[in-house]
Every structure is written in C-alpha cells, then in structure tokens.
C-alpha cells in the first residue's frame, strides 16, 4: 500500500512538472490565444552537406512575464527527442542524439523567462540528432509540449536535395 502511494505521488509530480504555463483556453486550435506559444521556421530547400537549421521562436502575448521549461526545446542542446521528422512517405527519421535522464521536478534553472509582449529564439541543427541522409521532402512536428508547456500549432516542411 505504501509503495502504491509513493508511485502515485511520483506520477503526479512527473505529470505536473514543466507545464506551469499551459494555455488556459477552450480554443485549442488557436496557439496565438495562449500566453506563450512557439513557431518553427527554416529554409524551404537545403542541400545535402549543409546544416539543417530550424529556428524555434517563443512568443509571449501576455501583459506580464511568463516562463517555460527549456527541456525538450532547442533552448538546450539536443538531449531528447522532441521533434517528429518524417520523410515524404511518412516514415519517421530515427533520432540519434543524446537522451537525458531528468530529475523531477525540474530545478529553477530549467525555466526561461519571456518578458511581456516579447519573444526569444533558438536554433537547432537537425543533422546533429536525426538521420537525414536521403533527398526527400521532410515534415517536422513539435512533440515536446507536455514537458515544455509550449504550444506549436503548425508543422513545417523542407526539401533536402543533393
């Protein structure tokens, strides 16, 4: 019985970890309605051998400073799989980067503050974490929302050419 209570307590802490600024909106289709949301961007076409840089920008629409957990975002080195990268056939590219083990709850140093009506950007080179070898059109979807608390509504695509 004690073990069950310990497990339940640990699960509750893990589930509530970084999502302190989770959007409180009934319209989940509108990322812009959330106090904090993010957008991804990159070049439309990238040649093999070049860096595959994706820019990740976090926006704060609120009238006060907000914070988010940097875990599972480009605001820290690639230490987890927080992106789905699929080729034009729908096959997911294998993540080959590091996989960090995390202590819960995240320490205060894991949070980044975004001032009111401001934004912050970071970039990540996808070649450093994903097996991008074949020419194809690739689609990227952000899947780190549960850890970071950030909403990214749209996917992005690019063509990887020889």
N, C-alpha and C. Protein backbone atom coordinates (compact mmCIF):
# COMPACT_ATOMS: atom_id res chain seq x y z
N UNK A 1 0.82 -1.19 0.00
CA UNK A 1 0.00 0.00 0.00
C UNK A 1 0.87 1.26 0.00
N UNK A 2 1.94 1.27 0.84
CA UNK A 2 2.84 2.42 0.86
C UNK A 2 3.51 2.63 -0.50
N UNK A 3 3.89 1.51 -1.13
CA UNK A 3 4.54 1.61 -2.45
C UNK A 3 3.60 2.22 -3.47
N UNK A 4 2.31 1.83 -3.41
CA UNK A 4 1.34 2.39 -4.35
C UNK A 4 1.19 3.88 -4.16
N UNK A 5 1.17 4.35 -2.91
CA UNK A 5 1.06 5.78 -2.64
C UNK A 5 2.30 6.53 -3.12
N UNK A 6 3.49 5.94 -2.94
CA UNK A 6 4.72 6.57 -3.42
C UNK A 6 4.74 6.66 -4.94
N UNK A 7 4.31 5.61 -5.59
CA UNK A 7 4.27 5.60 -7.06
C UNK A 7 3.27 6.63 -7.56
N UNK A 8 2.10 6.70 -6.93
CA UNK A 8 1.09 7.67 -7.33
C UNK A 8 1.60 9.09 -7.13
N UNK A 9 2.26 9.36 -6.02
CA UNK A 9 2.82 10.68 -5.76
C UNK A 9 3.88 11.06 -6.79
N UNK A 10 4.76 10.13 -7.11
CA UNK A 10 5.80 10.39 -8.10
C UNK A 10 5.19 10.65 -9.48
N UNK A 11 4.14 9.90 -9.82
CA UNK A 11 3.49 10.09 -11.12
C UNK A 11 2.84 11.47 -11.19
N UNK A 12 2.21 11.91 -10.12
CA UNK A 12 1.58 13.24 -10.11
C UNK A 12 2.62 14.34 -10.27
N UNK A 13 3.76 14.21 -9.60
CA UNK A 13 4.82 15.20 -9.74
C UNK A 13 5.34 15.22 -11.17
N UNK A 14 5.56 14.06 -11.75
CA UNK A 14 6.08 13.99 -13.12
C UNK A 14 5.11 14.60 -14.12
N UNK A 15 3.82 14.34 -13.94
CA UNK A 15 2.84 14.86 -14.88
C UNK A 15 2.66 16.37 -14.78
N UNK A 16 2.91 16.93 -13.63
CA UNK A 16 2.72 18.37 -13.46
C UNK A 16 4.02 19.14 -13.62
N UNK A 17 5.09 18.50 -14.00
CA UNK A 17 6.44 19.06 -13.97
C UNK A 17 6.60 20.42 -14.62
N UNK A 18 6.72 20.49 -15.90
CA UNK A 18 7.09 21.75 -16.55
C UNK A 18 5.92 22.54 -17.10
N UNK A 19 4.75 22.08 -16.97
CA UNK A 19 3.65 22.72 -17.67
C UNK A 19 2.94 23.78 -16.83
N UNK A 20 3.71 24.59 -16.11
CA UNK A 20 3.11 25.61 -15.26
C UNK A 20 2.38 26.68 -16.06
N UNK A 21 2.78 26.93 -17.28
CA UNK A 21 2.14 27.96 -18.09
C UNK A 21 1.35 27.34 -19.24
N UNK A 22 0.79 26.19 -19.00
CA UNK A 22 -0.02 25.53 -20.03
C UNK A 22 -1.19 26.45 -20.39
N UNK A 23 -1.49 26.61 -21.64
CA UNK A 23 -2.54 27.53 -22.05
C UNK A 23 -3.87 27.20 -21.39
N UNK A 24 -4.54 28.22 -20.91
CA UNK A 24 -5.86 28.06 -20.31
C UNK A 24 -6.88 28.64 -21.27
N UNK A 25 -7.12 27.92 -22.33
CA UNK A 25 -8.04 28.38 -23.35
C UNK A 25 -8.93 27.23 -23.77
N UNK A 26 -10.14 27.53 -24.12
CA UNK A 26 -11.04 26.48 -24.60
C UNK A 26 -10.86 26.26 -26.09
N UNK A 27 -10.20 27.16 -26.77
CA UNK A 27 -9.97 27.03 -28.20
C UNK A 27 -8.55 26.54 -28.43
N UNK A 28 -8.36 25.22 -28.40
CA UNK A 28 -7.02 24.67 -28.53
C UNK A 28 -6.49 24.77 -29.96
N UNK A 29 -7.33 25.16 -30.92
CA UNK A 29 -6.87 25.32 -32.29
C UNK A 29 -6.10 26.61 -32.48
N UNK A 30 -6.14 27.50 -31.52
CA UNK A 30 -5.51 28.79 -31.67
C UNK A 30 -4.33 28.94 -30.72
N UNK A 31 -3.13 28.63 -31.21
CA UNK A 31 -1.93 28.75 -30.39
C UNK A 31 -1.69 30.20 -30.01
N UNK A 32 -2.06 31.13 -30.86
CA UNK A 32 -1.84 32.54 -30.59
C UNK A 32 -2.67 33.03 -29.41
N UNK A 33 -3.71 32.31 -29.02
CA UNK A 33 -4.52 32.71 -27.88
C UNK A 33 -3.83 32.38 -26.56
N UNK A 34 -2.85 31.49 -26.58
CA UNK A 34 -2.12 31.11 -25.38
C UNK A 34 -1.14 32.21 -25.00
N UNK A 35 -0.89 32.40 -23.68
CA UNK A 35 0.09 33.42 -23.28
C UNK A 35 1.46 33.15 -23.91
N UNK A 36 1.90 31.90 -23.88
CA UNK A 36 3.15 31.51 -24.51
C UNK A 36 2.86 30.51 -25.62
N UNK A 37 3.44 30.74 -26.78
CA UNK A 37 3.34 29.76 -27.86
C UNK A 37 4.63 29.87 -28.67
N UNK A 38 4.87 28.89 -29.52
CA UNK A 38 6.11 28.87 -30.31
C UNK A 38 5.81 28.59 -31.77
N UNK A 39 6.72 29.02 -32.61
CA UNK A 39 6.66 28.74 -34.05
C UNK A 39 8.02 28.26 -34.51
N UNK A 40 8.00 27.34 -35.46
CA UNK A 40 9.22 26.83 -36.06
C UNK A 40 9.35 27.41 -37.46
N UNK A 41 10.59 27.61 -37.90
CA UNK A 41 10.82 28.08 -39.27
C UNK A 41 12.18 27.58 -39.74
N UNK A 42 12.32 27.50 -41.06
CA UNK A 42 13.59 27.11 -41.66
C UNK A 42 13.53 27.37 -43.16
N UNK A 43 14.67 27.22 -43.83
CA UNK A 43 14.71 27.38 -45.28
C UNK A 43 13.82 26.34 -45.94
N UNK A 44 13.28 26.69 -47.11
CA UNK A 44 12.43 25.75 -47.85
C UNK A 44 13.22 24.60 -48.48
N UNK A 45 14.45 24.90 -48.92
CA UNK A 45 15.28 23.90 -49.57
C UNK A 45 16.68 23.94 -48.95
N UNK A 46 17.20 22.76 -48.63
CA UNK A 46 18.52 22.64 -48.01
C UNK A 46 19.29 21.58 -48.77
N UNK A 47 20.54 21.90 -49.13
CA UNK A 47 21.38 20.95 -49.87
C UNK A 47 22.08 20.00 -48.91
N UNK A 48 22.23 18.75 -49.37
CA UNK A 48 22.95 17.75 -48.59
C UNK A 48 24.34 18.28 -48.26
N UNK A 49 24.77 18.06 -47.04
CA UNK A 49 26.06 18.56 -46.59
C UNK A 49 25.97 19.88 -45.85
N UNK A 50 24.88 20.61 -46.05
CA UNK A 50 24.67 21.87 -45.33
C UNK A 50 24.02 21.58 -43.97
N UNK A 51 24.12 22.54 -43.07
CA UNK A 51 23.40 22.44 -41.80
C UNK A 51 21.90 22.51 -42.07
N UNK A 52 21.14 21.77 -41.29
CA UNK A 52 19.68 21.80 -41.40
C UNK A 52 19.17 22.55 -40.17
N UNK A 53 19.28 23.89 -40.25
CA UNK A 53 18.94 24.72 -39.10
C UNK A 53 17.44 25.02 -39.04
N UNK A 54 16.88 24.73 -37.88
CA UNK A 54 15.49 25.06 -37.61
C UNK A 54 15.47 26.12 -36.52
N UNK A 55 14.75 27.20 -36.77
CA UNK A 55 14.61 28.28 -35.79
C UNK A 55 13.32 28.05 -35.01
N UNK A 56 13.41 28.18 -33.69
CA UNK A 56 12.29 27.95 -32.78
C UNK A 56 12.11 29.24 -31.99
N UNK A 57 10.97 29.92 -32.18
CA UNK A 57 10.73 31.20 -31.54
C UNK A 57 9.54 31.08 -30.58
N UNK A 58 9.76 31.53 -29.35
CA UNK A 58 8.71 31.53 -28.32
C UNK A 58 8.21 32.95 -28.17
N UNK A 59 6.89 33.11 -28.25
CA UNK A 59 6.24 34.41 -28.15
C UNK A 59 5.44 34.49 -26.86
N UNK A 60 5.45 35.66 -26.24
CA UNK A 60 4.65 35.90 -25.04
C UNK A 60 3.63 36.99 -25.37
N UNK A 61 2.37 36.62 -25.48
CA UNK A 61 1.28 37.57 -25.75
C UNK A 61 0.73 38.22 -24.49
N UNK A 62 1.15 37.75 -23.33
CA UNK A 62 0.60 38.24 -22.07
C UNK A 62 1.13 39.63 -21.73
N UNK A 63 0.45 40.28 -20.79
CA UNK A 63 0.86 41.59 -20.31
C UNK A 63 1.88 41.50 -19.18
N UNK A 64 2.28 40.29 -18.84
CA UNK A 64 3.29 40.08 -17.80
C UNK A 64 4.28 39.02 -18.27
N UNK A 65 5.44 38.98 -17.63
CA UNK A 65 6.45 37.99 -17.98
C UNK A 65 5.90 36.59 -17.72
N UNK A 66 6.26 35.65 -18.57
CA UNK A 66 5.86 34.24 -18.45
C UNK A 66 7.11 33.40 -18.53
N UNK A 67 7.03 32.15 -18.10
CA UNK A 67 8.18 31.26 -18.21
C UNK A 67 7.77 29.91 -18.76
N UNK A 68 8.76 29.21 -19.32
CA UNK A 68 8.55 27.87 -19.83
C UNK A 68 9.77 27.03 -19.49
N UNK A 69 9.59 25.73 -19.49
CA UNK A 69 10.69 24.81 -19.23
C UNK A 69 11.47 24.61 -20.52
N UNK A 70 12.78 24.80 -20.47
CA UNK A 70 13.60 24.68 -21.68
C UNK A 70 13.84 23.23 -22.09
N UNK A 71 13.53 22.29 -21.19
CA UNK A 71 13.68 20.88 -21.55
C UNK A 71 12.77 20.58 -22.74
N UNK A 72 13.27 19.80 -23.66
CA UNK A 72 12.55 19.39 -24.87
C UNK A 72 12.29 20.57 -25.80
N UNK A 73 13.22 21.50 -25.84
CA UNK A 73 13.18 22.62 -26.79
C UNK A 73 14.59 22.87 -27.31
N UNK A 74 14.74 23.64 -28.37
CA UNK A 74 16.07 23.99 -28.86
C UNK A 74 16.83 24.97 -27.95
N UNK A 75 16.25 25.37 -26.83
CA UNK A 75 16.94 26.26 -25.90
C UNK A 75 17.97 25.52 -25.06
N UNK A 76 18.10 24.23 -25.27
CA UNK A 76 19.18 23.45 -24.69
C UNK A 76 19.71 22.54 -25.81
N UNK A 77 20.91 22.00 -25.65
CA UNK A 77 21.41 21.10 -26.71
C UNK A 77 20.46 19.92 -26.92
N UNK A 78 20.57 19.28 -28.07
CA UNK A 78 19.73 18.10 -28.34
C UNK A 78 20.00 17.05 -27.27
N UNK A 79 19.06 16.92 -26.34
CA UNK A 79 19.20 15.96 -25.25
C UNK A 79 17.97 15.07 -25.13
N UNK A 80 17.08 15.18 -26.10
CA UNK A 80 15.87 14.36 -26.09
C UNK A 80 15.19 14.48 -27.45
N UNK A 81 14.29 13.54 -27.70
CA UNK A 81 13.54 13.54 -28.96
C UNK A 81 12.25 14.33 -28.75
N UNK A 82 12.26 15.60 -29.16
CA UNK A 82 11.07 16.43 -29.02
C UNK A 82 10.50 16.85 -30.38
N UNK A 83 11.06 16.30 -31.44
CA UNK A 83 10.55 16.56 -32.80
C UNK A 83 10.27 15.24 -33.49
N UNK A 84 9.20 15.22 -34.27
CA UNK A 84 8.95 14.12 -35.19
C UNK A 84 9.39 14.61 -36.55
N UNK A 85 10.33 13.90 -37.17
CA UNK A 85 10.81 14.26 -38.50
C UNK A 85 10.46 13.11 -39.42
N UNK A 86 9.59 13.40 -40.40
CA UNK A 86 9.12 12.35 -41.32
C UNK A 86 9.44 12.72 -42.75
N UNK A 87 9.78 11.69 -43.55
CA UNK A 87 10.01 11.94 -44.97
C UNK A 87 8.69 11.96 -45.72
N UNK A 88 8.75 12.14 -47.04
CA UNK A 88 7.53 12.29 -47.83
C UNK A 88 6.67 11.05 -47.88
N UNK A 89 7.23 9.88 -47.52
CA UNK A 89 6.43 8.65 -47.47
C UNK A 89 5.77 8.46 -46.11
N UNK A 90 6.09 9.33 -45.16
CA UNK A 90 5.53 9.22 -43.82
C UNK A 90 6.40 8.46 -42.85
N UNK A 91 7.57 7.99 -43.32
CA UNK A 91 8.47 7.25 -42.44
C UNK A 91 9.20 8.22 -41.52
N UNK A 92 9.19 7.91 -40.22
CA UNK A 92 9.84 8.77 -39.24
C UNK A 92 11.35 8.53 -39.26
N UNK A 93 12.10 9.62 -39.27
CA UNK A 93 13.54 9.53 -39.23
C UNK A 93 13.99 9.23 -37.80
N UNK A 94 14.95 8.35 -37.68
CA UNK A 94 15.41 7.92 -36.37
C UNK A 94 16.16 9.04 -35.66
N UNK A 95 15.82 9.26 -34.38
CA UNK A 95 16.55 10.21 -33.55
C UNK A 95 17.82 9.53 -33.07
N UNK A 96 18.97 10.20 -33.27
CA UNK A 96 20.26 9.62 -32.93
C UNK A 96 21.02 10.43 -31.88
N UNK A 97 20.35 11.40 -31.30
CA UNK A 97 21.01 12.26 -30.32
C UNK A 97 21.00 11.66 -28.93
N UNK A 98 21.48 12.45 -27.99
CA UNK A 98 21.53 12.03 -26.59
C UNK A 98 20.12 11.95 -26.01
N UNK A 99 19.96 11.13 -25.00
CA UNK A 99 18.69 11.03 -24.27
C UNK A 99 19.01 11.26 -22.79
N UNK A 100 18.66 12.43 -22.30
CA UNK A 100 18.96 12.80 -20.92
C UNK A 100 17.96 12.18 -19.96
N UNK A 101 18.46 11.74 -18.81
CA UNK A 101 17.59 11.31 -17.72
C UNK A 101 17.39 12.53 -16.85
N UNK A 102 16.16 12.80 -16.48
CA UNK A 102 15.83 14.03 -15.76
C UNK A 102 15.39 13.74 -14.32
N UNK A 103 15.76 14.63 -13.45
CA UNK A 103 15.28 14.61 -12.07
C UNK A 103 14.02 15.46 -12.03
N UNK A 104 12.98 14.97 -11.40
CA UNK A 104 11.73 15.70 -11.31
C UNK A 104 11.52 16.17 -9.89
N UNK A 105 10.94 17.29 -9.67
CA UNK A 105 10.55 18.31 -10.65
C UNK A 105 11.78 19.06 -11.16
N UNK A 106 11.63 19.73 -12.30
CA UNK A 106 12.76 20.47 -12.87
C UNK A 106 13.22 21.57 -11.93
N UNK A 107 14.54 21.77 -11.84
CA UNK A 107 15.04 22.86 -10.99
C UNK A 107 14.72 24.23 -11.61
N UNK A 108 14.81 25.26 -10.81
CA UNK A 108 14.51 26.63 -11.28
C UNK A 108 15.35 27.01 -12.48
N UNK A 109 16.57 26.49 -12.58
CA UNK A 109 17.46 26.82 -13.70
C UNK A 109 16.96 26.25 -15.03
N UNK A 110 15.95 25.39 -15.00
CA UNK A 110 15.39 24.79 -16.22
C UNK A 110 14.35 25.67 -16.89
N UNK A 111 14.03 26.80 -16.28
CA UNK A 111 12.99 27.68 -16.81
C UNK A 111 13.59 28.93 -17.43
N UNK A 112 12.96 29.39 -18.49
CA UNK A 112 13.38 30.61 -19.19
C UNK A 112 12.22 31.59 -19.15
N UNK A 113 12.53 32.83 -18.78
CA UNK A 113 11.51 33.87 -18.69
C UNK A 113 11.45 34.63 -20.02
N UNK A 114 10.22 34.90 -20.45
CA UNK A 114 9.98 35.71 -21.64
C UNK A 114 9.20 36.94 -21.18
N UNK A 115 9.76 38.10 -21.41
CA UNK A 115 9.11 39.34 -20.99
C UNK A 115 7.79 39.54 -21.73
N UNK A 116 6.94 40.38 -21.15
CA UNK A 116 5.63 40.67 -21.74
C UNK A 116 5.78 41.19 -23.16
N UNK A 117 4.93 40.69 -24.07
CA UNK A 117 4.88 41.12 -25.47
C UNK A 117 6.24 41.00 -26.17
N UNK A 118 7.03 40.00 -25.77
CA UNK A 118 8.38 39.81 -26.32
C UNK A 118 8.50 38.40 -26.88
N UNK A 119 9.64 38.10 -27.44
CA UNK A 119 9.91 36.76 -27.97
C UNK A 119 11.38 36.41 -27.78
N UNK A 120 11.67 35.12 -27.81
CA UNK A 120 13.03 34.60 -27.74
C UNK A 120 13.17 33.52 -28.81
N UNK A 121 14.36 33.43 -29.40
CA UNK A 121 14.59 32.42 -30.44
C UNK A 121 15.84 31.61 -30.15
N UNK A 122 15.81 30.37 -30.61
CA UNK A 122 16.96 29.47 -30.56
C UNK A 122 16.93 28.63 -31.83
N UNK A 123 18.08 28.13 -32.23
CA UNK A 123 18.15 27.29 -33.42
C UNK A 123 18.78 25.95 -33.08
N UNK A 124 18.44 24.95 -33.86
CA UNK A 124 19.00 23.62 -33.68
C UNK A 124 19.33 23.06 -35.07
N UNK A 125 20.46 22.38 -35.18
CA UNK A 125 20.86 21.72 -36.42
C UNK A 125 20.35 20.28 -36.36
N UNK A 126 19.35 19.97 -37.17
CA UNK A 126 18.70 18.66 -37.12
C UNK A 126 19.63 17.52 -37.52
N UNK A 127 20.67 17.81 -38.30
CA UNK A 127 21.61 16.78 -38.72
C UNK A 127 22.34 16.20 -37.51
N UNK A 128 22.45 16.98 -36.44
CA UNK A 128 23.16 16.51 -35.24
C UNK A 128 22.34 15.52 -34.42
N UNK A 129 21.05 15.38 -34.73
CA UNK A 129 20.24 14.47 -33.94
C UNK A 129 19.37 13.51 -34.73
N UNK A 130 19.24 13.73 -36.03
CA UNK A 130 18.35 12.90 -36.83
C UNK A 130 19.07 12.37 -38.07
N UNK A 131 18.68 11.18 -38.49
CA UNK A 131 19.28 10.51 -39.65
C UNK A 131 18.69 11.09 -40.94
N UNK A 132 19.20 12.23 -41.36
CA UNK A 132 18.76 12.86 -42.61
C UNK A 132 19.83 12.62 -43.66
N UNK A 133 19.64 11.60 -44.47
CA UNK A 133 20.66 11.24 -45.45
C UNK A 133 20.13 11.24 -46.88
N UNK A 134 18.86 10.88 -47.06
CA UNK A 134 18.28 10.75 -48.39
C UNK A 134 17.57 12.03 -48.82
N UNK A 135 17.70 12.39 -50.10
CA UNK A 135 16.92 13.52 -50.60
C UNK A 135 15.43 13.20 -50.47
N UNK A 136 14.68 14.15 -49.95
CA UNK A 136 13.25 13.96 -49.74
C UNK A 136 12.66 15.27 -49.26
N UNK A 137 11.35 15.31 -49.21
CA UNK A 137 10.66 16.41 -48.53
C UNK A 137 10.39 15.90 -47.12
N UNK A 138 10.82 16.67 -46.12
CA UNK A 138 10.67 16.29 -44.73
C UNK A 138 9.68 17.22 -44.03
N UNK A 139 8.91 16.65 -43.12
CA UNK A 139 7.97 17.42 -42.31
C UNK A 139 8.38 17.28 -40.85
N UNK A 140 8.32 18.41 -40.12
CA UNK A 140 8.72 18.44 -38.72
C UNK A 140 7.52 18.83 -37.87
N UNK A 141 7.28 18.06 -36.83
CA UNK A 141 6.21 18.33 -35.87
C UNK A 141 6.83 18.40 -34.48
N UNK A 142 6.49 19.42 -33.72
CA UNK A 142 6.98 19.56 -32.35
C UNK A 142 6.12 18.70 -31.43
N UNK A 143 6.75 17.81 -30.66
CA UNK A 143 6.03 16.91 -29.76
C UNK A 143 6.48 17.05 -28.30
N UNK A 144 7.16 18.14 -27.97
CA UNK A 144 7.65 18.34 -26.61
C UNK A 144 6.74 19.16 -25.72
N UNK A 145 5.51 19.38 -26.14
CA UNK A 145 4.57 20.24 -25.43
C UNK A 145 4.34 19.82 -23.97
N UNK A 146 4.25 18.52 -23.72
CA UNK A 146 3.97 18.06 -22.36
C UNK A 146 5.07 18.41 -21.38
N UNK A 147 6.30 18.51 -21.84
CA UNK A 147 7.40 18.85 -20.95
C UNK A 147 7.61 20.36 -20.86
N UNK A 148 7.63 21.04 -21.99
CA UNK A 148 7.94 22.47 -22.01
C UNK A 148 6.74 23.35 -21.67
N UNK A 149 5.54 22.87 -21.98
CA UNK A 149 4.34 23.68 -21.79
C UNK A 149 4.06 24.59 -22.97
N UNK A 150 4.88 24.52 -24.02
CA UNK A 150 4.72 25.39 -25.19
C UNK A 150 3.83 24.74 -26.24
N UNK A 151 2.98 25.52 -26.84
CA UNK A 151 2.10 25.06 -27.92
C UNK A 151 2.74 25.47 -29.25
N UNK A 152 2.88 24.50 -30.16
CA UNK A 152 3.31 24.78 -31.52
C UNK A 152 2.23 24.19 -32.41
N UNK A 153 1.43 25.05 -33.03
CA UNK A 153 0.26 24.60 -33.77
C UNK A 153 0.62 23.95 -35.11
N UNK A 154 1.53 24.57 -35.85
CA UNK A 154 1.78 24.13 -37.21
C UNK A 154 3.06 23.32 -37.35
N UNK A 155 3.04 22.39 -38.28
CA UNK A 155 4.25 21.69 -38.66
C UNK A 155 4.95 22.52 -39.74
N UNK A 156 6.20 22.20 -40.02
CA UNK A 156 6.92 22.85 -41.12
C UNK A 156 7.52 21.78 -42.02
N UNK A 157 7.84 22.15 -43.24
CA UNK A 157 8.43 21.22 -44.20
C UNK A 157 9.61 21.86 -44.90
N UNK A 158 10.51 21.01 -45.37
CA UNK A 158 11.64 21.47 -46.18
C UNK A 158 12.02 20.35 -47.13
N UNK A 159 12.69 20.75 -48.21
CA UNK A 159 13.21 19.78 -49.18
C UNK A 159 14.70 19.63 -48.98
N UNK A 160 15.14 18.40 -48.80
CA UNK A 160 16.55 18.07 -48.63
C UNK A 160 17.02 17.53 -49.97
N UNK A 161 17.89 18.26 -50.66
CA UNK A 161 18.29 17.88 -52.02
C UNK A 161 19.78 17.64 -52.11
N UNK A 162 20.16 16.95 -53.18
CA UNK A 162 21.59 16.70 -53.43
C UNK A 162 22.23 17.87 -54.07
